[in-house]
Amino acid sequence: MPVIHVHMLGGASHEQKAQIAKEFTDTLVRVLGSNPQMTHIILDEQNPENWANAGELISDRRAKQKA
């Protein structure tokens, strides 16, 4: 039973999430021969205030880019 856990910043649309789930599942079915009914994709959306890169909160970086 393959499981893919995707950590991402919030903001993806429902349609984008559905496409991610379908394409990742299709890839596991094609590459591993997985049963699609037993293949799980977990989309874990994070608030930009809870994610940092290079010592800076993503929310702060985005605010600077807007200014």
PDB file of N, CA and C in Angstrom:
ATOM      1  N   MET A   1       0.847  -1.178   0.000  1.00  0.00           N
ATOM      2  CA  MET A   1       0.000   0.000   0.000  1.00  0.00           C
ATOM      3  C   MET A   1       0.889   1.236   0.000  1.00  0.00           C
ATOM      4  N   PRO A   2       1.148   1.833  -1.164  1.00  0.00           N
ATOM      5  CA  PRO A   2       1.960   3.037  -1.208  1.00  0.00           C
ATOM      6  C   PRO A   2       1.212   4.250  -0.646  1.00  0.00           C
ATOM      7  N   VAL A   3       1.975   5.096   0.034  1.00  0.00           N
ATOM      8  CA  VAL A   3       1.446   6.350   0.560  1.00  0.00           C
ATOM      9  C   VAL A   3       2.432   7.455   0.183  1.00  0.00           C
ATOM     10  N   ILE A   4       1.932   8.501  -0.430  1.00  0.00           N
ATOM     11  CA  ILE A   4       2.737   9.692  -0.712  1.00  0.00           C
ATOM     12  C   ILE A   4       2.195  10.801   0.166  1.00  0.00           C
ATOM     13  N   HIS A   5       3.081  11.416   0.928  1.00  0.00           N
ATOM     14  CA  HIS A   5       2.706  12.517   1.813  1.00  0.00           C
ATOM     15  C   HIS A   5       3.333  13.782   1.237  1.00  0.00           C
ATOM     16  N   VAL A   6       2.487  14.702   0.768  1.00  0.00           N
ATOM     17  CA  VAL A   6       2.932  15.936   0.126  1.00  0.00           C
ATOM     18  C   VAL A   6       2.768  17.079   1.118  1.00  0.00           C
ATOM     19  N   HIS A   7       3.862  17.714   1.478  1.00  0.00           N
ATOM     20  CA  HIS A   7       3.820  18.912   2.318  1.00  0.00           C
ATOM     21  C   HIS A   7       3.901  20.112   1.379  1.00  0.00           C
ATOM     22  N   MET A   8       2.950  21.013   1.495  1.00  0.00           N
ATOM     23  CA  MET A   8       2.930  22.169   0.599  1.00  0.00           C
ATOM     24  C   MET A   8       2.296  23.362   1.292  1.00  0.00           C
ATOM     25  N   LEU A   9       2.629  24.540   0.789  1.00  0.00           N
ATOM     26  CA  LEU A   9       1.997  25.747   1.301  1.00  0.00           C
ATOM     27  C   LEU A   9       0.571  25.803   0.774  1.00  0.00           C
ATOM     28  N   GLY A  10      -0.325  26.351   1.566  1.00  0.00           N
ATOM     29  CA  GLY A  10      -1.714  26.473   1.168  1.00  0.00           C
ATOM     30  C   GLY A  10      -1.869  27.368  -0.043  1.00  0.00           C
ATOM     31  N   GLY A  11      -2.974  27.221  -0.728  1.00  0.00           N
ATOM     32  CA  GLY A  11      -3.259  28.077  -1.865  1.00  0.00           C
ATOM     33  C   GLY A  11      -3.608  27.320  -3.133  1.00  0.00           C
ATOM     34  N   ALA A  12      -3.385  26.025  -3.147  1.00  0.00           N
ATOM     35  CA  ALA A  12      -3.750  25.246  -4.335  1.00  0.00           C
ATOM     36  C   ALA A  12      -5.273  25.119  -4.398  1.00  0.00           C
ATOM     37  N   SER A  13      -5.797  25.175  -5.599  1.00  0.00           N
ATOM     38  CA  SER A  13      -7.246  25.043  -5.786  1.00  0.00           C
ATOM     39  C   SER A  13      -7.657  23.576  -5.647  1.00  0.00           C
ATOM     40  N   HIS A  14      -8.947  23.364  -5.516  1.00  0.00           N
ATOM     41  CA  HIS A  14      -9.480  22.000  -5.459  1.00  0.00           C
ATOM     42  C   HIS A  14      -9.084  21.223  -6.712  1.00  0.00           C
ATOM     43  N   GLU A  15      -9.183  21.877  -7.862  1.00  0.00           N
ATOM     44  CA  GLU A  15      -8.843  21.227  -9.123  1.00  0.00           C
ATOM     45  C   GLU A  15      -7.374  20.843  -9.168  1.00  0.00           C
ATOM     46  N   GLN A  16      -6.496  21.705  -8.680  1.00  0.00           N
ATOM     47  CA  GLN A  16      -5.069  21.395  -8.655  1.00  0.00           C
ATOM     48  C   GLN A  16      -4.781  20.209  -7.728  1.00  0.00           C
ATOM     49  N   LYS A  17      -5.423  20.187  -6.561  1.00  0.00           N
ATOM     50  CA  LYS A  17      -5.231  19.069  -5.635  1.00  0.00           C
ATOM     51  C   LYS A  17      -5.725  17.766  -6.246  1.00  0.00           C
ATOM     52  N   ALA A  18      -6.853  17.814  -6.931  1.00  0.00           N
ATOM     53  CA  ALA A  18      -7.381  16.623  -7.581  1.00  0.00           C
ATOM     54  C   ALA A  18      -6.419  16.126  -8.659  1.00  0.00           C
ATOM     55  N   GLN A  19      -5.831  17.045  -9.396  1.00  0.00           N
ATOM     56  CA  GLN A  19      -4.870  16.661 -10.433  1.00  0.00           C
ATOM     57  C   GLN A  19      -3.617  16.046  -9.821  1.00  0.00           C
ATOM     58  N   ILE A  20      -3.122  16.616  -8.722  1.00  0.00           N
ATOM     59  CA  ILE A  20      -1.970  16.036  -8.023  1.00  0.00           C
ATOM     60  C   ILE A  20      -2.286  14.612  -7.596  1.00  0.00           C
ATOM     61  N   ALA A  21      -3.427  14.414  -6.971  1.00  0.00           N
ATOM     62  CA  ALA A  21      -3.809  13.084  -6.500  1.00  0.00           C
ATOM     63  C   ALA A  21      -3.890  12.089  -7.654  1.00  0.00           C
ATOM     64  N   LYS A  22      -4.505  12.495  -8.749  1.00  0.00           N
ATOM     65  CA  LYS A  22      -4.656  11.592  -9.894  1.00  0.00           C
ATOM     66  C   LYS A  22      -3.316  11.260 -10.523  1.00  0.00           C
ATOM     67  N   GLU A  23      -2.492  12.272 -10.764  1.00  0.00           N
ATOM     68  CA  GLU A  23      -1.226  12.030 -11.461  1.00  0.00           C
ATOM     69  C   GLU A  23      -0.243  11.250 -10.603  1.00  0.00           C
ATOM     70  N   PHE A  24      -0.189  11.511  -9.300  1.00  0.00           N
ATOM     71  CA  PHE A  24       0.696  10.735  -8.432  1.00  0.00           C
ATOM     72  C   PHE A  24       0.227   9.282  -8.368  1.00  0.00           C
ATOM     73  N   THR A  25      -1.087   9.080  -8.258  1.00  0.00           N
ATOM     74  CA  THR A  25      -1.630   7.723  -8.229  1.00  0.00           C
ATOM     75  C   THR A  25      -1.325   7.001  -9.536  1.00  0.00           C
ATOM     76  N   ASP A  26      -1.572   7.674 -10.655  1.00  0.00           N
ATOM     77  CA  ASP A  26      -1.303   7.068 -11.963  1.00  0.00           C
ATOM     78  C   ASP A  26       0.166   6.667 -12.091  1.00  0.00           C
ATOM     79  N   THR A  27       1.067   7.502 -11.575  1.00  0.00           N
ATOM     80  CA  THR A  27       2.499   7.194 -11.641  1.00  0.00           C
ATOM     81  C   THR A  27       2.829   5.946 -10.838  1.00  0.00           C
ATOM     82  N   LEU A  28       2.284   5.839  -9.614  1.00  0.00           N
ATOM     83  CA  LEU A  28       2.556   4.655  -8.797  1.00  0.00           C
ATOM     84  C   LEU A  28       1.969   3.394  -9.425  1.00  0.00           C
ATOM     85  N   VAL A  29       0.819   3.520 -10.042  1.00  0.00           N
ATOM     86  CA  VAL A  29       0.213   2.374 -10.720  1.00  0.00           C
ATOM     87  C   VAL A  29       1.113   1.942 -11.887  1.00  0.00           C
ATOM     88  N   ARG A  30       1.574   2.921 -12.661  1.00  0.00           N
ATOM     89  CA  ARG A  30       2.402   2.623 -13.839  1.00  0.00           C
ATOM     90  C   ARG A  30       3.779   2.089 -13.440  1.00  0.00           C
ATOM     91  N   VAL A  31       4.438   2.708 -12.488  1.00  0.00           N
ATOM     92  CA  VAL A  31       5.820   2.353 -12.146  1.00  0.00           C
ATOM     93  C   VAL A  31       5.894   1.131 -11.233  1.00  0.00           C
ATOM     94  N   LEU A  32       5.023   1.088 -10.219  1.00  0.00           N
ATOM     95  CA  LEU A  32       5.091   0.017  -9.225  1.00  0.00           C
ATOM     96  C   LEU A  32       4.066  -1.093  -9.433  1.00  0.00           C
ATOM     97  N   GLY A  33       3.115  -0.846 -10.320  1.00  0.00           N
ATOM     98  CA  GLY A  33       2.040  -1.814 -10.485  1.00  0.00           C
ATOM     99  C   GLY A  33       1.077  -1.809  -9.307  1.00  0.00           C
ATOM    100  N   SER A  34       0.991  -0.678  -8.612  1.00  0.00           N
ATOM    101  CA  SER A  34       0.132  -0.564  -7.426  1.00  0.00           C
ATOM    102  C   SER A  34      -1.342  -0.640  -7.788  1.00  0.00           C
ATOM    103  N   ASN A  35      -2.121  -1.116  -6.848  1.00  0.00           N
ATOM    104  CA  ASN A  35      -3.571  -1.098  -6.977  1.00  0.00           C
ATOM    105  C   ASN A  35      -4.020   0.328  -6.650  1.00  0.00           C
ATOM    106  N   PRO A  36      -4.689   1.023  -7.558  1.00  0.00           N
ATOM    107  CA  PRO A  36      -5.084   2.399  -7.276  1.00  0.00           C
ATOM    108  C   PRO A  36      -5.990   2.521  -6.053  1.00  0.00           C
ATOM    109  N   GLN A  37      -6.760   1.470  -5.765  1.00  0.00           N
ATOM    110  CA  GLN A  37      -7.641   1.507  -4.600  1.00  0.00           C
ATOM    111  C   GLN A  37      -6.857   1.433  -3.286  1.00  0.00           C
ATOM    112  N   MET A  38      -5.616   1.012  -3.351  1.00  0.00           N
ATOM    113  CA  MET A  38      -4.786   0.896  -2.150  1.00  0.00           C
ATOM    114  C   MET A  38      -3.666   1.936  -2.129  1.00  0.00           C
ATOM    115  N   THR A  39      -3.760   2.928  -3.006  1.00  0.00           N
ATOM    116  CA  THR A  39      -2.749   3.979  -3.118  1.00  0.00           C
ATOM    117  C   THR A  39      -3.298   5.248  -2.484  1.00  0.00           C
ATOM    118  N   HIS A  40      -2.533   5.803  -1.565  1.00  0.00           N
ATOM    119  CA  HIS A  40      -2.995   6.964  -0.805  1.00  0.00           C
ATOM    120  C   HIS A  40      -2.080   8.164  -1.038  1.00  0.00           C
ATOM    121  N   ILE A  41      -2.699   9.323  -1.245  1.00  0.00           N
ATOM    122  CA  ILE A  41      -1.982  10.584  -1.396  1.00  0.00           C
ATOM    123  C   ILE A  41      -2.491  11.509  -0.295  1.00  0.00           C
ATOM    124  N   ILE A  42      -1.593  11.992   0.540  1.00  0.00           N
ATOM    125  CA  ILE A  42      -1.969  12.903   1.628  1.00  0.00           C
ATOM    126  C   ILE A  42      -1.427  14.282   1.287  1.00  0.00           C
ATOM    127  N   LEU A  43      -2.316  15.257   1.169  1.00  0.00           N
ATOM    128  CA  LEU A  43      -1.926  16.635   0.886  1.00  0.00           C
ATOM    129  C   LEU A  43      -1.990  17.416   2.195  1.00  0.00           C
ATOM    130  N   ASP A  44      -0.845  17.787   2.678  1.00  0.00           N
ATOM    131  CA  ASP A  44      -0.725  18.472   3.964  1.00  0.00           C
ATOM    132  C   ASP A  44      -0.386  19.936   3.697  1.00  0.00           C
ATOM    133  N   GLU A  45      -1.405  20.786   3.765  1.00  0.00           N
ATOM    134  CA  GLU A  45      -1.210  22.208   3.494  1.00  0.00           C
ATOM    135  C   GLU A  45      -0.798  22.944   4.759  1.00  0.00           C
ATOM    136  N   GLN A  46       0.196  23.790   4.624  1.00  0.00           N
ATOM    137  CA  GLN A  46       0.697  24.570   5.740  1.00  0.00           C
ATOM    138  C   GLN A  46       0.428  26.054   5.519  1.00  0.00           C
ATOM    139  N   ASN A  47       0.220  26.750   6.612  1.00  0.00           N
ATOM    140  CA  ASN A  47       0.097  28.191   6.587  1.00  0.00           C
ATOM    141  C   ASN A  47       1.497  28.777   6.371  1.00  0.00           C
ATOM    142  N   PRO A  48       1.643  29.816   5.532  1.00  0.00           N
ATOM    143  CA  PRO A  48       2.959  30.402   5.294  1.00  0.00           C
ATOM    144  C   PRO A  48       3.642  30.914   6.575  1.00  0.00           C
ATOM    145  N   GLU A  49       2.878  31.158   7.632  1.00  0.00           N
ATOM    146  CA  GLU A  49       3.472  31.579   8.905  1.00  0.00           C
ATOM    147  C   GLU A  49       4.129  30.410   9.626  1.00  0.00           C
ATOM    148  N   ASN A  50       3.861  29.191   9.181  1.00  0.00           N
ATOM    149  CA  ASN A  50       4.411  28.002   9.820  1.00  0.00           C
ATOM    150  C   ASN A  50       5.480  27.327   8.976  1.00  0.00           C
ATOM    151  N   TRP A  51       5.990  28.029   7.961  1.00  0.00           N
ATOM    152  CA  TRP A  51       6.989  27.445   7.058  1.00  0.00           C
ATOM    153  C   TRP A  51       8.070  28.487   6.839  1.00  0.00           C
ATOM    154  N   ALA A  52       9.306  28.072   6.986  1.00  0.00           N
ATOM    155  CA  ALA A  52      10.439  28.977   6.776  1.00  0.00           C
ATOM    156  C   ALA A  52      11.424  28.351   5.806  1.00  0.00           C
ATOM    157  N   ASN A  53      12.165  29.212   5.132  1.00  0.00           N
ATOM    158  CA  ASN A  53      13.221  28.789   4.227  1.00  0.00           C
ATOM    159  C   ASN A  53      14.353  29.787   4.355  1.00  0.00           C
ATOM    160  N   ALA A  54      15.558  29.282   4.484  1.00  0.00           N
ATOM    161  CA  ALA A  54      16.752  30.131   4.600  1.00  0.00           C
ATOM    162  C   ALA A  54      16.608  31.116   5.759  1.00  0.00           C
ATOM    163  N   GLY A  55      15.998  30.671   6.844  1.00  0.00           N
ATOM    164  CA  GLY A  55      15.892  31.486   8.053  1.00  0.00           C
ATOM    165  C   GLY A  55      14.812  32.542   8.026  1.00  0.00           C
ATOM    166  N   GLU A  56      13.931  32.490   7.055  1.00  0.00           N
ATOM    167  CA  GLU A  56      12.887  33.510   6.937  1.00  0.00           C
ATOM    168  C   GLU A  56      11.529  32.849   6.748  1.00  0.00           C
ATOM    169  N   LEU A  57      10.527  33.345   7.489  1.00  0.00           N
ATOM    170  CA  LEU A  57       9.171  32.837   7.311  1.00  0.00           C
ATOM    171  C   LEU A  57       8.686  33.167   5.907  1.00  0.00           C
ATOM    172  N   ILE A  58       8.020  32.223   5.298  1.00  0.00           N
ATOM    173  CA  ILE A  58       7.493  32.437   3.950  1.00  0.00           C
ATOM    174  C   ILE A  58       6.514  33.601   3.943  1.00  0.00           C
ATOM    175  N   SER A  59       5.714  33.744   4.996  1.00  0.00           N
ATOM    176  CA  SER A  59       4.761  34.856   5.051  1.00  0.00           C
ATOM    177  C   SER A  59       5.493  36.206   5.027  1.00  0.00           C
ATOM    178  N   ASP A  60       6.628  36.299   5.724  1.00  0.00           N
ATOM    179  CA  ASP A  60       7.410  37.548   5.702  1.00  0.00           C
ATOM    180  C   ASP A  60       8.004  37.795   4.314  1.00  0.00           C
ATOM    181  N   ARG A  61       8.495  36.749   3.689  1.00  0.00           N
ATOM    182  CA  ARG A  61       9.082  36.882   2.350  1.00  0.00           C
ATOM    183  C   ARG A  61       8.027  37.356   1.361  1.00  0.00           C
ATOM    184  N   ARG A  62       6.830  36.771   1.444  1.00  0.00           N
ATOM    185  CA  ARG A  62       5.759  37.181   0.530  1.00  0.00           C
ATOM    186  C   ARG A  62       5.359  38.631   0.767  1.00  0.00           C
ATOM    187  N   ALA A  63       5.318  39.055   2.035  1.00  0.00           N
ATOM    188  CA  ALA A  63       4.951  40.438   2.346  1.00  0.00           C
ATOM    189  C   ALA A  63       5.985  41.395   1.754  1.00  0.00           C
ATOM    190  N   LYS A  64       7.260  41.042   1.820  1.00  0.00           N
ATOM    191  CA  LYS A  64       8.318  41.883   1.242  1.00  0.00           C
ATOM    192  C   LYS A  64       8.171  41.973  -0.278  1.00  0.00           C
ATOM    193  N   GLN A  65       7.826  40.847  -0.896  1.00  0.00           N
ATOM    194  CA  GLN A  65       7.684  40.830  -2.354  1.00  0.00           C
ATOM    195  C   GLN A  65       6.523  41.690  -2.829  1.00  0.00           C
ATOM    196  N   LYS A  66       5.481  41.806  -1.999  1.00  0.00           N
ATOM    197  CA  LYS A  66       4.311  42.623  -2.360  1.00  0.00           C
ATOM    198  C   LYS A  66       4.606  44.101  -2.199  1.00  0.00           C
ATOM    199  N   ALA A  67       5.533  44.437  -1.307  1.00  0.00           N
ATOM    200  CA  ALA A  67       5.837  45.854  -1.021  1.00  0.00           C
ATOM    201  C   ALA A  67       6.688  46.484  -2.103  1.00  0.00           C
TER     202      ALA A  67
END
